[in-house]
Amino acid sequence: MMAQRPWTAVATDKTLNENVSFVFNAAYDTSSAADCFREQHGYKYDLVALIPGDHQHVYVEGKHKVRRVPRDQMFSGF
């Protein structure tokens, strides 16, 4: 089994036609991670971007919804 790391995916939900983000585990290199994303999630999502690491609070602007970092979870100074 290859070593894996967390990736934050930005994708478009095919049914809702909205952008979403979520974390999943895949291989370290981007090409393999993208292939893994398509295999695991391609039935429901179109991949927009992959960001290495676990980023729970990504700003994603969707067609109907805007997700933002909750005020109580912002970095100090904001």
N, C-alpha and C. Protein backbone atom coordinates (compact mmCIF):
# COMPACT_ATOMS: atom_id res chain seq x y z
N MET A 1 0.84 -1.18 0.00
CA MET A 1 0.00 0.00 0.00
C MET A 1 0.89 1.25 0.00
N MET A 2 0.58 2.21 -0.87
CA MET A 2 1.34 3.44 -0.94
C MET A 2 1.00 4.35 0.24
N ALA A 3 1.99 5.14 0.63
CA ALA A 3 1.74 6.12 1.68
C ALA A 3 0.73 7.15 1.19
N GLN A 4 -0.08 7.62 2.10
CA GLN A 4 -1.10 8.59 1.75
C GLN A 4 -1.00 9.81 2.63
N ARG A 5 -1.60 10.89 2.15
CA ARG A 5 -1.70 12.11 2.95
C ARG A 5 -3.06 12.74 2.69
N PRO A 6 -3.47 13.65 3.56
CA PRO A 6 -4.74 14.33 3.32
C PRO A 6 -4.63 15.35 2.20
N TRP A 7 -5.69 15.46 1.43
CA TRP A 7 -5.83 16.46 0.37
C TRP A 7 -7.16 17.17 0.58
N THR A 8 -7.17 18.46 0.35
CA THR A 8 -8.42 19.20 0.35
C THR A 8 -8.84 19.36 -1.11
N ALA A 9 -10.01 18.85 -1.42
CA ALA A 9 -10.53 18.93 -2.78
C ALA A 9 -11.54 20.06 -2.88
N VAL A 10 -11.44 20.82 -3.95
CA VAL A 10 -12.47 21.79 -4.31
C VAL A 10 -13.12 21.20 -5.56
N ALA A 11 -14.43 21.03 -5.52
CA ALA A 11 -15.11 20.33 -6.61
C ALA A 11 -16.49 20.93 -6.84
N THR A 12 -17.06 20.58 -7.97
CA THR A 12 -18.41 20.99 -8.29
C THR A 12 -19.33 19.79 -8.15
N ASP A 13 -20.35 19.92 -7.33
CA ASP A 13 -21.34 18.87 -7.17
C ASP A 13 -22.17 18.82 -8.46
N LYS A 14 -22.17 17.69 -9.13
CA LYS A 14 -22.84 17.56 -10.43
C LYS A 14 -24.36 17.72 -10.32
N THR A 15 -24.94 17.29 -9.20
CA THR A 15 -26.38 17.36 -9.03
C THR A 15 -26.83 18.77 -8.65
N LEU A 16 -26.14 19.36 -7.69
CA LEU A 16 -26.53 20.68 -7.18
C LEU A 16 -25.93 21.83 -7.99
N ASN A 17 -24.93 21.52 -8.81
CA ASN A 17 -24.21 22.53 -9.57
C ASN A 17 -23.66 23.63 -8.65
N GLU A 18 -23.09 23.20 -7.52
CA GLU A 18 -22.49 24.10 -6.55
C GLU A 18 -21.09 23.62 -6.22
N ASN A 19 -20.23 24.57 -5.89
CA ASN A 19 -18.87 24.23 -5.48
C ASN A 19 -18.86 23.81 -4.02
N VAL A 20 -18.03 22.82 -3.72
CA VAL A 20 -17.89 22.30 -2.37
C VAL A 20 -16.41 22.06 -2.10
N SER A 21 -16.07 21.86 -0.84
CA SER A 21 -14.73 21.42 -0.50
C SER A 21 -14.83 20.36 0.58
N PHE A 22 -13.90 19.41 0.55
CA PHE A 22 -13.84 18.38 1.57
C PHE A 22 -12.46 17.76 1.55
N VAL A 23 -12.11 17.06 2.63
CA VAL A 23 -10.80 16.44 2.78
C VAL A 23 -10.93 14.95 2.52
N PHE A 24 -9.97 14.40 1.78
CA PHE A 24 -9.90 12.95 1.59
C PHE A 24 -8.43 12.56 1.56
N ASN A 25 -8.14 11.26 1.70
CA ASN A 25 -6.76 10.77 1.70
C ASN A 25 -6.44 10.14 0.37
N ALA A 26 -5.23 10.43 -0.12
CA ALA A 26 -4.76 9.87 -1.39
C ALA A 26 -3.24 9.89 -1.40
N ALA A 27 -2.67 9.43 -2.50
CA ALA A 27 -1.22 9.37 -2.65
C ALA A 27 -0.58 10.75 -2.53
N TYR A 28 0.73 10.78 -2.31
CA TYR A 28 1.44 12.04 -2.12
C TYR A 28 1.53 12.89 -3.38
N ASP A 29 1.67 12.27 -4.55
CA ASP A 29 1.83 13.10 -5.75
C ASP A 29 0.47 13.51 -6.30
N THR A 30 0.45 14.71 -6.87
CA THR A 30 -0.81 15.33 -7.29
C THR A 30 -1.53 14.52 -8.37
N SER A 31 -0.80 14.02 -9.33
CA SER A 31 -1.43 13.26 -10.42
C SER A 31 -2.15 12.03 -9.90
N SER A 32 -1.50 11.29 -9.03
CA SER A 32 -2.13 10.09 -8.45
C SER A 32 -3.31 10.47 -7.56
N ALA A 33 -3.17 11.58 -6.82
CA ALA A 33 -4.28 12.03 -5.97
C ALA A 33 -5.48 12.42 -6.81
N ALA A 34 -5.24 13.08 -7.95
CA ALA A 34 -6.34 13.45 -8.84
C ALA A 34 -7.02 12.20 -9.40
N ASP A 35 -6.22 11.22 -9.79
CA ASP A 35 -6.80 9.95 -10.28
C ASP A 35 -7.64 9.28 -9.20
N CYS A 36 -7.12 9.28 -7.97
CA CYS A 36 -7.84 8.68 -6.84
C CYS A 36 -9.16 9.42 -6.60
N PHE A 37 -9.12 10.75 -6.68
CA PHE A 37 -10.34 11.54 -6.51
C PHE A 37 -11.38 11.12 -7.55
N ARG A 38 -10.97 11.04 -8.80
CA ARG A 38 -11.91 10.67 -9.87
C ARG A 38 -12.48 9.27 -9.65
N GLU A 39 -11.65 8.34 -9.19
CA GLU A 39 -12.12 6.98 -8.93
C GLU A 39 -13.12 6.94 -7.78
N GLN A 40 -12.82 7.68 -6.70
CA GLN A 40 -13.65 7.62 -5.50
C GLN A 40 -14.86 8.55 -5.56
N HIS A 41 -14.72 9.71 -6.21
CA HIS A 41 -15.75 10.73 -6.12
C HIS A 41 -16.24 11.24 -7.47
N GLY A 42 -15.70 10.74 -8.55
CA GLY A 42 -16.03 11.25 -9.88
C GLY A 42 -17.48 11.05 -10.29
N TYR A 43 -18.16 10.11 -9.68
CA TYR A 43 -19.57 9.89 -9.99
C TYR A 43 -20.44 11.06 -9.52
N LYS A 44 -19.95 11.80 -8.51
CA LYS A 44 -20.75 12.87 -7.91
C LYS A 44 -20.15 14.26 -8.11
N TYR A 45 -18.81 14.33 -8.25
CA TYR A 45 -18.14 15.63 -8.30
C TYR A 45 -17.21 15.76 -9.50
N ASP A 46 -17.09 16.99 -10.01
CA ASP A 46 -16.07 17.35 -10.98
C ASP A 46 -14.97 18.08 -10.22
N LEU A 47 -13.76 17.60 -10.33
CA LEU A 47 -12.63 18.18 -9.62
C LEU A 47 -12.29 19.56 -10.17
N VAL A 48 -12.11 20.53 -9.28
CA VAL A 48 -11.70 21.88 -9.64
C VAL A 48 -10.26 22.10 -9.22
N ALA A 49 -9.92 21.73 -7.97
CA ALA A 49 -8.56 21.94 -7.46
C ALA A 49 -8.26 20.96 -6.34
N LEU A 50 -6.99 20.63 -6.19
CA LEU A 50 -6.51 19.84 -5.06
C LEU A 50 -5.47 20.66 -4.31
N ILE A 51 -5.61 20.71 -2.99
CA ILE A 51 -4.68 21.43 -2.13
C ILE A 51 -4.10 20.42 -1.15
N PRO A 52 -2.78 20.25 -1.13
CA PRO A 52 -2.22 19.29 -0.19
C PRO A 52 -2.47 19.72 1.26
N GLY A 53 -2.93 18.78 2.08
CA GLY A 53 -3.17 19.06 3.49
C GLY A 53 -4.64 19.06 3.84
N ASP A 54 -4.89 19.16 5.12
CA ASP A 54 -6.24 19.13 5.67
C ASP A 54 -6.67 20.56 5.98
N HIS A 55 -7.48 21.14 5.11
CA HIS A 55 -7.95 22.52 5.26
C HIS A 55 -9.47 22.48 5.40
N GLN A 56 -9.92 22.46 6.64
CA GLN A 56 -11.34 22.30 6.94
C GLN A 56 -12.18 23.51 6.58
N HIS A 57 -11.59 24.70 6.62
CA HIS A 57 -12.37 25.93 6.44
C HIS A 57 -11.90 26.68 5.21
N VAL A 58 -12.18 26.13 4.06
CA VAL A 58 -11.83 26.74 2.79
C VAL A 58 -13.01 27.62 2.34
N TYR A 59 -12.69 28.81 1.90
CA TYR A 59 -13.75 29.68 1.35
C TYR A 59 -14.06 29.17 -0.05
N VAL A 60 -15.30 28.76 -0.26
CA VAL A 60 -15.73 28.26 -1.57
C VAL A 60 -17.00 29.00 -1.95
N GLU A 61 -16.97 29.69 -3.06
CA GLU A 61 -18.15 30.41 -3.50
C GLU A 61 -18.93 29.51 -4.44
N GLY A 62 -20.15 29.21 -4.06
CA GLY A 62 -21.00 28.34 -4.86
C GLY A 62 -22.06 29.13 -5.59
N LYS A 63 -22.87 28.43 -6.33
CA LYS A 63 -23.92 29.08 -7.09
C LYS A 63 -24.99 29.67 -6.18
N HIS A 64 -25.36 28.93 -5.13
CA HIS A 64 -26.44 29.37 -4.25
C HIS A 64 -25.98 29.66 -2.83
N LYS A 65 -24.84 29.10 -2.44
CA LYS A 65 -24.38 29.25 -1.07
C LYS A 65 -22.95 29.78 -1.06
N VAL A 66 -22.61 30.50 -0.02
CA VAL A 66 -21.24 30.92 0.21
C VAL A 66 -20.83 30.39 1.57
N ARG A 67 -19.76 29.61 1.59
CA ARG A 67 -19.26 29.07 2.85
C ARG A 67 -18.09 29.93 3.30
N ARG A 68 -18.08 30.27 4.55
CA ARG A 68 -17.02 31.10 5.11
C ARG A 68 -16.52 30.47 6.40
N VAL A 69 -15.34 30.89 6.83
CA VAL A 69 -14.81 30.44 8.11
C VAL A 69 -15.69 31.02 9.22
N PRO A 70 -16.19 30.18 10.12
CA PRO A 70 -17.01 30.70 11.22
C PRO A 70 -16.21 31.70 12.06
N ARG A 71 -16.86 32.77 12.51
CA ARG A 71 -16.17 33.83 13.27
C ARG A 71 -15.43 33.28 14.49
N ASP A 72 -16.02 32.31 15.17
CA ASP A 72 -15.39 31.78 16.38
C ASP A 72 -14.20 30.87 16.08
N GLN A 73 -13.93 30.59 14.79
CA GLN A 73 -12.80 29.75 14.43
C GLN A 73 -11.77 30.50 13.58
N MET A 74 -11.87 31.81 13.51
CA MET A 74 -10.90 32.60 12.76
C MET A 74 -9.60 32.73 13.56
N PHE A 75 -8.53 33.00 12.84
CA PHE A 75 -7.25 33.22 13.49
C PHE A 75 -7.32 34.52 14.29
N SER A 76 -6.54 34.62 15.34
CA SER A 76 -6.55 35.85 16.14
C SER A 76 -6.13 37.02 15.26
N GLY A 77 -6.72 38.18 15.52
CA GLY A 77 -6.40 39.37 14.76
C GLY A 77 -7.37 39.63 13.64
N PHE A 78 -8.33 38.74 13.42
CA PHE A 78 -9.31 38.95 12.35
C PHE A 78 -10.60 39.43 12.95
